[in-house]
Amino acid sequence: MYYLLVSLNIKTESIEEFIPAQIEMAQKVLSEPGCLRYDFMKDNENPNKFYRCEIYKDEEAFEAHGALQHTSDFRELTKDWWLPERLSAIKTTDIFISEKGS
């Protein structure tokens, strides 16, 4: 599996638009055949910081995701909403993944 941990930094004035747009994007990504999980979370201490945990079948599925129209549309829609730090994405490999609570 291919895991991506993403940290997002959003401008305060864009948060109200960003949250529903990100939820809509999550729903689209979850419909992709190679996407196994797409979680969207908000930081409890920093109101401008959000996180995504994305799990794809493999790296090819993630690459296919990047080439889809809804991915390009989301990038275009949100391009002015980011703080200068924008985002960071960490690619990881699973060692132990819990299924409890799923």
Protein backbone atom coordinates (compact mmCIF):
# COMPACT_ATOMS: atom_id res chain seq x y z
CA MET A 1 0.00 0.00 0.00
CA TYR A 2 1.01 3.61 -0.53
CA TYR A 3 0.47 6.06 2.34
CA LEU A 4 0.59 9.82 2.27
CA LEU A 5 0.49 12.05 5.37
CA VAL A 6 -0.25 15.62 4.34
CA SER A 7 -0.09 18.78 6.45
CA LEU A 8 -2.05 21.76 5.06
CA ASN A 9 -1.78 25.42 6.07
CA ILE A 10 -4.79 27.52 5.10
CA LYS A 11 -5.35 31.28 5.34
CA THR A 12 -7.85 32.23 8.06
CA GLU A 13 -10.13 34.01 5.59
CA SER A 14 -10.26 30.87 3.39
CA ILE A 15 -11.09 28.23 6.00
CA GLU A 16 -14.88 28.47 5.58
CA GLU A 17 -14.52 27.79 1.84
CA PHE A 18 -11.72 25.25 2.23
CA ILE A 19 -13.43 22.78 4.57
CA PRO A 20 -16.46 21.97 2.35
CA ALA A 21 -14.24 21.96 -0.77
CA GLN A 22 -11.84 19.51 0.88
CA ILE A 23 -14.72 17.26 1.99
CA GLU A 24 -16.11 17.27 -1.55
CA MET A 25 -12.66 16.42 -2.89
CA ALA A 26 -12.32 13.58 -0.36
CA GLN A 27 -15.58 12.08 -1.59
CA LYS A 28 -14.37 12.22 -5.20
CA VAL A 29 -11.00 10.68 -4.35
CA LEU A 30 -12.69 7.88 -2.41
CA SER A 31 -14.53 6.94 -5.61
CA GLU A 32 -11.22 6.30 -7.38
CA PRO A 33 -10.57 2.55 -7.73
CA GLY A 34 -7.05 2.79 -6.25
CA CYS A 35 -7.94 4.90 -3.18
CA LEU A 36 -8.47 2.84 -0.03
CA ARG A 37 -8.79 5.63 2.52
CA TYR A 38 -8.87 9.43 2.62
CA ASP A 39 -9.17 11.07 6.03
CA PHE A 40 -9.39 14.84 6.58
CA MET A 41 -8.65 16.27 10.04
CA LYS A 42 -8.25 19.65 11.74
CA ASP A 43 -5.48 20.52 14.18
CA ASN A 44 -6.79 21.10 17.72
CA GLU A 45 -4.26 23.83 18.50
CA ASN A 46 -3.71 25.66 15.21
CA PRO A 47 -6.97 26.71 13.49
CA ASN A 48 -5.15 27.19 10.16
CA LYS A 49 -3.69 23.70 10.05
CA PHE A 50 -5.36 20.60 8.60
CA TYR A 51 -4.20 17.09 7.82
CA ARG A 52 -4.98 14.36 5.34
CA CYS A 53 -4.15 10.70 5.57
CA GLU A 54 -4.43 9.15 2.13
CA ILE A 55 -3.99 5.44 1.42
CA TYR A 56 -3.75 4.10 -2.10
CA LYS A 57 -3.47 0.55 -3.40
CA ASP A 58 0.01 1.34 -4.73
CA GLU A 59 2.13 4.20 -6.06
CA GLU A 60 0.59 3.81 -9.51
CA ALA A 61 -2.88 4.44 -8.04
CA PHE A 62 -1.56 7.62 -6.42
CA GLU A 63 0.01 8.73 -9.71
CA ALA A 64 -3.31 8.09 -11.48
CA HIS A 65 -5.06 10.20 -8.82
CA GLY A 66 -2.74 13.10 -9.61
CA ALA A 67 -3.66 12.99 -13.29
CA LEU A 68 -7.45 13.12 -12.78
CA GLN A 69 -9.51 16.21 -13.63
CA HIS A 70 -10.96 16.62 -10.12
CA THR A 71 -7.41 16.76 -8.71
CA SER A 72 -6.48 19.56 -11.15
CA ASP A 73 -9.75 21.35 -10.45
CA PHE A 74 -9.12 21.21 -6.68
CA ARG A 75 -5.60 22.61 -7.07
CA GLU A 76 -6.95 25.47 -9.17
CA LEU A 77 -9.85 26.19 -6.80
CA THR A 78 -7.64 26.30 -3.69
CA LYS A 79 -4.51 27.96 -5.11
CA ASP A 80 -5.13 31.29 -3.31
CA TRP A 81 -6.21 29.77 0.01
CA TRP A 82 -2.80 28.55 1.18
CA LEU A 83 -0.48 30.19 3.67
CA PRO A 84 3.12 30.59 2.45
CA GLU A 85 4.08 27.27 4.10
CA ARG A 86 1.39 25.68 1.89
CA LEU A 87 1.64 21.95 2.57
CA SER A 88 4.01 19.14 3.26
CA ALA A 89 3.51 15.57 2.19
CA ILE A 90 5.29 12.61 3.72
CA LYS A 91 5.27 9.30 1.88
CA THR A 92 5.35 6.34 4.24
CA THR A 93 5.39 2.55 4.24
CA ASP A 94 3.26 0.58 6.66
CA ILE A 95 4.83 -1.43 9.46
CA PHE A 96 1.80 -2.00 11.67
CA ILE A 97 -1.70 -0.75 10.85
CA SER A 98 -4.55 -1.24 13.30
CA GLU A 99 -8.01 -2.12 12.05
CA LYS A 100 -9.73 -1.53 15.39
CA GLY A 101 -12.47 1.08 15.23
CA SER A 102 -12.75 0.98 11.45
